[in-house]
PDB file of all heavy atoms in Angstrom:
ATOM      1  N   ALA A   1      85.110  97.641 101.606  1.00  0.00           N
ATOM      2  CA  ALA A   1      85.491  98.436 100.467  1.00  0.00           C
ATOM      3  C   ALA A   1      85.517  99.910 100.832  1.00  0.00           C
ATOM      4  O   ALA A   1      86.324 100.699 100.208  1.00  0.00           O
ATOM      5  CB  ALA A   1      84.531  98.191  99.312  1.00  0.00           C
ATOM      6  N   TRP A   2      84.764 100.271 101.830  1.00  0.00           N
ATOM      7  CA  TRP A   2      84.713 101.677 102.225  1.00  0.00           C
ATOM      8  C   TRP A   2      84.420 101.703 103.724  1.00  0.00           C
ATOM      9  O   TRP A   2      83.536 101.053 104.192  1.00  0.00           O
ATOM     10  CB  TRP A   2      83.592 102.393 101.512  1.00  0.00           C
ATOM     11  CG  TRP A   2      83.429 103.841 101.824  1.00  0.00           C
ATOM     12  CD1 TRP A   2      82.523 104.334 102.693  1.00  0.00           C
ATOM     13  CD2 TRP A   2      84.138 104.927 101.370  1.00  0.00           C
ATOM     14  NE1 TRP A   2      82.640 105.714 102.772  1.00  0.00           N
ATOM     15  CE2 TRP A   2      83.692 106.072 101.994  1.00  0.00           C
ATOM     16  CE3 TRP A   2      85.278 105.048 100.495  1.00  0.00           C
ATOM     17  CZ2 TRP A   2      84.218 107.328 101.756  1.00  0.00           C
ATOM     18  CZ3 TRP A   2      85.805 106.292 100.285  1.00  0.00           C
ATOM     19  CH2 TRP A   2      85.267 107.455 100.901  1.00  0.00           C
ATOM     20  N   TYR A   3      85.244 102.443 104.472  1.00  0.00           N
ATOM     21  CA  TYR A   3      85.053 102.518 105.903  1.00  0.00           C
ATOM     22  C   TYR A   3      83.758 103.186 106.312  1.00  0.00           C
ATOM     23  O   TYR A   3      83.482 104.279 105.761  1.00  0.00           O
ATOM     24  CB  TYR A   3      86.222 103.185 106.586  1.00  0.00           C
ATOM     25  CG  TYR A   3      86.108 103.289 108.063  1.00  0.00           C
ATOM     26  CD1 TYR A   3      86.244 102.110 108.847  1.00  0.00           C
ATOM     27  CD2 TYR A   3      85.809 104.443 108.721  1.00  0.00           C
ATOM     28  CE1 TYR A   3      86.059 102.138 110.179  1.00  0.00           C
ATOM     29  CE2 TYR A   3      85.690 104.485 110.074  1.00  0.00           C
ATOM     30  CZ  TYR A   3      85.806 103.328 110.829  1.00  0.00           C
ATOM     31  OH  TYR A   3      85.668 103.346 112.191  1.00  0.00           O
ATOM     32  N   GLY A   4      82.962 102.565 107.148  1.00  0.00           N
ATOM     33  CA  GLY A   4      81.695 103.099 107.596  1.00  0.00           C
ATOM     34  C   GLY A   4      81.581 102.985 109.126  1.00  0.00           C
ATOM     35  O   GLY A   4      82.352 102.317 109.797  1.00  0.00           O
ATOM     36  N   ALA A   5      80.585 103.638 109.671  1.00  0.00           N
ATOM     37  CA  ALA A   5      80.357 103.624 111.132  1.00  0.00           C
ATOM     38  C   ALA A   5      80.149 102.155 111.618  1.00  0.00           C
ATOM     39  O   ALA A   5      79.559 101.330 110.929  1.00  0.00           O
ATOM     40  CB  ALA A   5      79.119 104.409 111.429  1.00  0.00           C
ATOM     41  N   GLY A   6      80.795 101.846 112.762  1.00  0.00           N
ATOM     42  CA  GLY A   6      80.587 100.548 113.383  1.00  0.00           C
ATOM     43  C   GLY A   6      81.585  99.541 112.932  1.00  0.00           C
ATOM     44  O   GLY A   6      81.599  98.400 113.441  1.00  0.00           O
ATOM     45  N   LEU A   7      82.404  99.821 111.933  1.00  0.00           N
ATOM     46  CA  LEU A   7      83.452  98.838 111.510  1.00  0.00           C
ATOM     47  C   LEU A   7      84.709  99.005 112.308  1.00  0.00           C
ATOM     48  O   LEU A   7      85.059 100.103 112.773  1.00  0.00           O
ATOM     49  CB  LEU A   7      83.763  99.092 110.018  1.00  0.00           C
ATOM     50  CG  LEU A   7      82.590  98.903 109.076  1.00  0.00           C
ATOM     51  CD1 LEU A   7      83.024  99.261 107.643  1.00  0.00           C
ATOM     52  CD2 LEU A   7      82.174  97.383 109.120  1.00  0.00           C
ATOM     53  N   ALA A   8      85.363  97.900 112.494  1.00  0.00           N
ATOM     54  CA  ALA A   8      86.622  97.881 113.346  1.00  0.00           C
ATOM     55  C   ALA A   8      87.707  98.657 112.609  1.00  0.00           C
ATOM     56  O   ALA A   8      87.959  98.506 111.407  1.00  0.00           O
ATOM     57  CB  ALA A   8      87.091  96.467 113.520  1.00  0.00           C
ATOM     58  N   PHE A   9      88.320  99.546 113.341  1.00  0.00           N
ATOM     59  CA  PHE A   9      89.431 100.345 112.734  1.00  0.00           C
ATOM     60  C   PHE A   9      90.059 101.109 113.922  1.00  0.00           C
ATOM     61  O   PHE A   9      89.689 102.212 114.305  1.00  0.00           O
ATOM     62  CB  PHE A   9      88.889 101.391 111.761  1.00  0.00           C
ATOM     63  CG  PHE A   9      89.865 101.823 110.744  1.00  0.00           C
ATOM     64  CD1 PHE A   9      90.059 101.062 109.582  1.00  0.00           C
ATOM     65  CD2 PHE A   9      90.648 102.958 110.905  1.00  0.00           C
ATOM     66  CE1 PHE A   9      90.936 101.435 108.576  1.00  0.00           C
ATOM     67  CE2 PHE A   9      91.587 103.295 109.941  1.00  0.00           C
ATOM     68  CZ  PHE A   9      91.723 102.571 108.793  1.00  0.00           C
ATOM     69  N   HIS A  10      91.034 100.436 114.608  1.00  0.00           N
ATOM     70  CA  HIS A  10      91.619 101.013 115.762  1.00  0.00           C
ATOM     71  C   HIS A  10      93.145 100.696 115.828  1.00  0.00           C
ATOM     72  O   HIS A  10      93.557  99.797 115.093  1.00  0.00           O
ATOM     73  CB  HIS A  10      90.921 100.566 117.063  1.00  0.00           C
ATOM     74  CG  HIS A  10      90.630  99.150 117.140  1.00  0.00           C
ATOM     75  ND1 HIS A  10      91.542  98.194 117.441  1.00  0.00           N
ATOM     76  CD2 HIS A  10      89.439  98.467 116.891  1.00  0.00           C
ATOM     77  CE1 HIS A  10      90.964  96.980 117.398  1.00  0.00           C
ATOM     78  NE2 HIS A  10      89.739  97.121 117.064  1.00  0.00           N
ATOM     79  N   ALA A  11      93.856 101.400 116.646  1.00  0.00           N
ATOM     80  CA  ALA A  11      95.348 101.345 116.622  1.00  0.00           C
ATOM     81  C   ALA A  11      95.857  99.971 116.974  1.00  0.00           C
ATOM     82  O   ALA A  11      96.949  99.611 116.548  1.00  0.00           O
ATOM     83  CB  ALA A  11      95.836 102.348 117.650  1.00  0.00           C
ATOM     84  N   GLN A  12      95.104  99.111 117.749  1.00  0.00           N
ATOM     85  CA  GLN A  12      95.576  97.791 118.135  1.00  0.00           C
ATOM     86  C   GLN A  12      95.482  96.798 117.042  1.00  0.00           C
ATOM     87  O   GLN A  12      95.940  95.699 117.152  1.00  0.00           O
ATOM     88  CB  GLN A  12      94.832  97.272 119.331  1.00  0.00           C
ATOM     89  CG  GLN A  12      94.923  98.151 120.553  1.00  0.00           C
ATOM     90  CD  GLN A  12      93.797  99.140 120.648  1.00  0.00           C
ATOM     91  OE1 GLN A  12      93.317  99.678 119.662  1.00  0.00           O
ATOM     92  NE2 GLN A  12      93.317  99.471 121.835  1.00  0.00           N
ATOM     93  N   SER A  13      94.881  97.109 115.932  1.00  0.00           N
ATOM     94  CA  SER A  13      94.660  96.220 114.816  1.00  0.00           C
ATOM     95  C   SER A  13      95.742  96.295 113.795  1.00  0.00           C
ATOM     96  O   SER A  13      96.443  97.303 113.680  1.00  0.00           O
ATOM     97  CB  SER A  13      93.333  96.489 114.161  1.00  0.00           C
ATOM     98  OG  SER A  13      92.244  96.395 115.030  1.00  0.00           O
ATOM     99  N   ASP A  14      95.887  95.211 113.067  1.00  0.00           N
ATOM    100  CA  ASP A  14      96.845  95.181 111.867  1.00  0.00           C
ATOM    101  C   ASP A  14      95.987  95.596 110.662  1.00  0.00           C
ATOM    102  O   ASP A  14      95.070  94.814 110.288  1.00  0.00           O
ATOM    103  CB  ASP A  14      97.380  93.753 111.742  1.00  0.00           C
ATOM    104  CG  ASP A  14      98.227  93.589 110.526  1.00  0.00           C
ATOM    105  OD1 ASP A  14      98.671  94.617 109.950  1.00  0.00           O
ATOM    106  OD2 ASP A  14      98.446  92.446 110.128  1.00  0.00           O
ATOM    107  N   ILE A  15      96.262  96.718 110.087  1.00  0.00           N
ATOM    108  CA  ILE A  15      95.426  97.249 109.060  1.00  0.00           C
ATOM    109  C   ILE A  15      96.135  97.258 107.721  1.00  0.00           C
ATOM    110  O   ILE A  15      97.300  97.760 107.654  1.00  0.00           O
ATOM    111  CB  ILE A  15      94.965  98.694 109.360  1.00  0.00           C
ATOM    112  CG1 ILE A  15      94.184  98.696 110.705  1.00  0.00           C
ATOM    113  CG2 ILE A  15      94.094  99.276 108.246  1.00  0.00           C
ATOM    114  CD1 ILE A  15      93.939 100.049 111.251  1.00  0.00           C
ATOM    115  N   ASP A  16      95.523  96.665 106.698  1.00  0.00           N
ATOM    116  CA  ASP A  16      96.111  96.574 105.369  1.00  0.00           C
ATOM    117  C   ASP A  16      95.209  97.333 104.401  1.00  0.00           C
ATOM    118  O   ASP A  16      94.105  96.991 104.144  1.00  0.00           O
ATOM    119  CB  ASP A  16      96.220  95.102 104.943  1.00  0.00           C
ATOM    120  CG  ASP A  16      96.855  94.965 103.528  1.00  0.00           C
ATOM    121  OD1 ASP A  16      97.204  95.964 102.911  1.00  0.00           O
ATOM    122  OD2 ASP A  16      96.937  93.810 103.085  1.00  0.00           O
ATOM    123  N   THR A  17      95.752  98.489 103.893  1.00  0.00           N
ATOM    124  CA  THR A  17      94.982  99.294 102.958  1.00  0.00           C
ATOM    125  C   THR A  17      95.631  99.235 101.567  1.00  0.00           C
ATOM    126  O   THR A  17      95.346 100.074 100.700  1.00  0.00           O
ATOM    127  CB  THR A  17      94.903 100.753 103.406  1.00  0.00           C
ATOM    128  OG1 THR A  17      96.226 101.240 103.549  1.00  0.00           O
ATOM    129  CG2 THR A  17      94.171 100.867 104.752  1.00  0.00           C
ATOM    130  N   SER A  18      96.507  98.249 101.298  1.00  0.00           N
ATOM    131  CA  SER A  18      97.227  98.227 100.046  1.00  0.00           C
ATOM    132  C   SER A  18      96.425  97.701  98.862  1.00  0.00           C
ATOM    133  O   SER A  18      96.861  97.815  97.749  1.00  0.00           O
ATOM    134  CB  SER A  18      98.489  97.355 100.265  1.00  0.00           C
ATOM    135  OG  SER A  18      98.157  96.024 100.499  1.00  0.00           O
ATOM    136  N   ARG A  19      95.338  97.116  99.119  1.00  0.00           N
ATOM    137  CA  ARG A  19      94.464  96.559  98.068  1.00  0.00           C
ATOM    138  C   ARG A  19      93.177  97.313  97.957  1.00  0.00           C
ATOM    139  O   ARG A  19      92.921  98.234  98.697  1.00  0.00           O
ATOM    140  CB  ARG A  19      94.228  95.047  98.334  1.00  0.00           C
ATOM    141  CG  ARG A  19      95.526  94.251  98.336  1.00  0.00           C
ATOM    142  CD  ARG A  19      95.299  92.785  98.436  1.00  0.00           C
ATOM    143  NE  ARG A  19      96.535  92.073  98.363  1.00  0.00           N
ATOM    144  CZ  ARG A  19      97.227  91.662  99.432  1.00  0.00           C
ATOM    145  NH1 ARG A  19      96.812  91.896 100.630  1.00  0.00           N
ATOM    146  NH2 ARG A  19      98.373  91.003  99.302  1.00  0.00           N
ATOM    147  N   GLU A  20      92.288  96.879  97.065  1.00  0.00           N
ATOM    148  CA  GLU A  20      91.025  97.639  96.891  1.00  0.00           C
ATOM    149  C   GLU A  20      90.135  97.473  98.166  1.00  0.00           C
ATOM    150  O   GLU A  20      89.290  98.323  98.350  1.00  0.00           O
ATOM    151  CB  GLU A  20      90.299  97.227  95.641  1.00  0.00           C
ATOM    152  CG  GLU A  20      89.672  95.817  95.672  1.00  0.00           C
ATOM    153  CD  GLU A  20      88.934  95.480  94.359  1.00  0.00           C
ATOM    154  OE1 GLU A  20      89.613  95.091  93.415  1.00  0.00           O
ATOM    155  OE2 GLU A  20      87.701  95.636  94.330  1.00  0.00           O
ATOM    156  N   TRP A  21      90.309  96.392  98.913  1.00  0.00           N
ATOM    157  CA  TRP A  21      89.579  96.181 100.168  1.00  0.00           C
ATOM    158  C   TRP A  21      90.458  96.496 101.280  1.00  0.00           C
ATOM    159  O   TRP A  21      91.674  96.112 101.302  1.00  0.00           O
ATOM    160  CB  TRP A  21      89.057  94.746 100.312  1.00  0.00           C
ATOM    161  CG  TRP A  21      87.931  94.403  99.377  1.00  0.00           C
ATOM    162  CD1 TRP A  21      87.929  94.355  98.020  1.00  0.00           C
ATOM    163  CD2 TRP A  21      86.582  94.055  99.798  1.00  0.00           C
ATOM    164  NE1 TRP A  21      86.721  93.957  97.569  1.00  0.00           N
ATOM    165  CE2 TRP A  21      85.874  93.797  98.658  1.00  0.00           C
ATOM    166  CE3 TRP A  21      85.991  93.964 101.023  1.00  0.00           C
ATOM    167  CZ2 TRP A  21      84.527  93.468  98.695  1.00  0.00           C
ATOM    168  CZ3 TRP A  21      84.674  93.598 101.083  1.00  0.00           C
ATOM    169  CH2 TRP A  21      83.938  93.370  99.971  1.00  0.00           C
ATOM    170  N   THR A  22      89.952  97.210 102.337  1.00  0.00           N
ATOM    171  CA  THR A  22      90.707  97.392 103.563  1.00  0.00           C
ATOM    172  C   THR A  22      90.499  96.160 104.449  1.00  0.00           C
ATOM    173  O   THR A  22      89.394  95.714 104.583  1.00  0.00           O
ATOM    174  CB  THR A  22      90.207  98.635 104.280  1.00  0.00           C
ATOM    175  OG1 THR A  22      90.439  99.781 103.500  1.00  0.00           O
ATOM    176  CG2 THR A  22      90.924  98.802 105.647  1.00  0.00           C
ATOM    177  N   ALA A  23      91.610  95.605 104.941  1.00  0.00           N
ATOM    178  CA  ALA A  23      91.548  94.445 105.826  1.00  0.00           C
ATOM    179  C   ALA A  23      92.028  94.840 107.243  1.00  0.00           C
ATOM    180  O   ALA A  23      93.138  95.378 107.381  1.00  0.00           O
ATOM    181  CB  ALA A  23      92.433  93.326 105.297  1.00  0.00           C
ATOM    182  N   VAL A  24      91.185  94.609 108.241  1.00  0.00           N
ATOM    183  CA  VAL A  24      91.557  94.926 109.589  1.00  0.00           C
ATOM    184  C   VAL A  24      91.620  93.607 110.298  1.00  0.00           C
ATOM    185  O   VAL A  24      90.600  92.882 110.543  1.00  0.00           O
ATOM    186  CB  VAL A  24      90.507  95.861 110.286  1.00  0.00           C
ATOM    187  CG1 VAL A  24      90.918  96.151 111.703  1.00  0.00           C
ATOM    188  CG2 VAL A  24      90.342  97.171 109.493  1.00  0.00           C
ATOM    189  N   ARG A  25      92.869  93.179 110.617  1.00  0.00           N
ATOM    190  CA  ARG A  25      93.070  91.858 111.331  1.00  0.00           C
ATOM    191  C   ARG A  25      93.203  92.123 112.784  1.00  0.00           C
ATOM    192  O   ARG A  25      93.804  93.104 113.242  1.00  0.00           O
ATOM    193  CB  ARG A  25      94.343  91.229 110.753  1.00  0.00           C
ATOM    194  CG  ARG A  25      94.131  90.659 109.369  1.00  0.00           C
ATOM    195  CD  ARG A  25      95.376  90.014 108.798  1.00  0.00           C
ATOM    196  NE  ARG A  25      96.382  90.991 108.387  1.00  0.00           N
ATOM    197  CZ  ARG A  25      96.366  91.621 107.287  1.00  0.00           C
ATOM    198  NH1 ARG A  25      95.425  91.531 106.413  1.00  0.00           N
ATOM    199  NH2 ARG A  25      97.364  92.461 107.017  1.00  0.00           N
ATOM    200  N   MET A  26      92.519  91.278 113.549  1.00  0.00           N
ATOM    201  CA  MET A  26      92.490  91.435 115.013  1.00  0.00           C
ATOM    202  C   MET A  26      92.260  90.045 115.633  1.00  0.00           C
ATOM    203  O   MET A  26      92.233  89.057 114.967  1.00  0.00           O
ATOM    204  CB  MET A  26      91.366  92.362 115.359  1.00  0.00           C
ATOM    205  CG  MET A  26      89.962  91.822 114.980  1.00  0.00           C
ATOM    206  SD  MET A  26      88.690  93.028 114.922  1.00  0.00           S
ATOM    207  CE  MET A  26      88.799  93.620 113.306  1.00  0.00           C
ATOM    208  N   HIS A  27      92.124  90.079 116.921  1.00  0.00           N
ATOM    209  CA  HIS A  27      91.740  88.837 117.699  1.00  0.00           C
ATOM    210  C   HIS A  27      90.782  89.319 118.763  1.00  0.00           C
ATOM    211  O   HIS A  27      91.155  89.588 119.858  1.00  0.00           O
ATOM    212  CB  HIS A  27      92.939  88.197 118.304  1.00  0.00           C
ATOM    213  CG  HIS A  27      92.707  86.938 119.021  1.00  0.00           C
ATOM    214  ND1 HIS A  27      92.826  85.732 118.433  1.00  0.00           N
ATOM    215  CD2 HIS A  27      92.266  86.666 120.242  1.00  0.00           C
ATOM    216  CE1 HIS A  27      92.459  84.770 119.253  1.00  0.00           C
ATOM    217  NE2 HIS A  27      92.121  85.347 120.369  1.00  0.00           N
ATOM    218  N   ARG A  28      89.524  89.441 118.389  1.00  0.00           N
ATOM    219  CA  ARG A  28      88.486  89.993 119.331  1.00  0.00           C
ATOM    220  C   ARG A  28      87.533  88.865 119.708  1.00  0.00           C
ATOM    221  O   ARG A  28      86.844  88.303 118.903  1.00  0.00           O
ATOM    222  CB  ARG A  28      87.702  91.123 118.682  1.00  0.00           C
ATOM    223  CG  ARG A  28      86.661  91.658 119.614  1.00  0.00           C
ATOM    224  CD  ARG A  28      85.614  92.485 118.898  1.00  0.00           C
ATOM    225  NE  ARG A  28      86.065  93.852 118.649  1.00  0.00           N
ATOM    226  CZ  ARG A  28      85.513  94.656 117.761  1.00  0.00           C
ATOM    227  NH1 ARG A  28      84.538  94.274 117.049  1.00  0.00           N
ATOM    228  NH2 ARG A  28      85.959  95.887 117.671  1.00  0.00           N
ATOM    229  N   ASP A  29      87.527  88.555 121.039  1.00  0.00           N
ATOM    230  CA  ASP A  29      86.639  87.542 121.540  1.00  0.00           C
ATOM    231  C   ASP A  29      85.167  88.000 121.329  1.00  0.00           C
ATOM    232  O   ASP A  29      84.868  89.185 121.621  1.00  0.00           O
ATOM    233  CB  ASP A  29      86.833  87.263 123.036  1.00  0.00           C
ATOM    234  CG  ASP A  29      88.161  86.563 123.252  1.00  0.00           C
ATOM    235  OD1 ASP A  29      88.559  85.732 122.444  1.00  0.00           O
ATOM    236  OD2 ASP A  29      88.840  86.857 124.285  1.00  0.00           O
ATOM    237  N   MET A  30      84.346  87.111 120.795  1.00  0.00           N
ATOM    238  CA  MET A  30      82.970  87.427 120.502  1.00  0.00           C
ATOM    239  C   MET A  30      81.974  86.594 121.249  1.00  0.00           C
ATOM    240  O   MET A  30      80.942  86.147 120.664  1.00  0.00           O
ATOM    241  CB  MET A  30      82.712  87.361 118.965  1.00  0.00           C
ATOM    242  CG  MET A  30      83.561  88.295 118.125  1.00  0.00           C
ATOM    243  SD  MET A  30      83.218  90.060 118.408  1.00  0.00           S
ATOM    244  CE  MET A  30      81.586  90.182 117.700  1.00  0.00           C
ATOM    245  N   ASP A  31      82.262  86.296 122.434  1.00  0.00           N
ATOM    246  CA  ASP A  31      81.314  85.526 123.279  1.00  0.00           C
ATOM    247  C   ASP A  31      80.749  86.405 124.339  1.00  0.00           C
ATOM    248  O   ASP A  31      81.455  87.005 125.170  1.00  0.00           O
ATOM    249  CB  ASP A  31      82.049  84.380 124.034  1.00  0.00           C
ATOM    250  CG  ASP A  31      82.461  83.252 123.042  1.00  0.00           C
ATOM    251  OD1 ASP A  31      81.702  83.008 122.139  1.00  0.00           O
ATOM    252  OD2 ASP A  31      83.498  82.659 123.304  1.00  0.00           O
TER     253      ASP A  31
END
């Protein structure tokens, strides 16, 4: 709902700010 430190937000992501929640779509391996 509000961008804070440590949240994903970078140029390589697909970012949607058109709704009340910001959605950052990505494909980040987490292993």
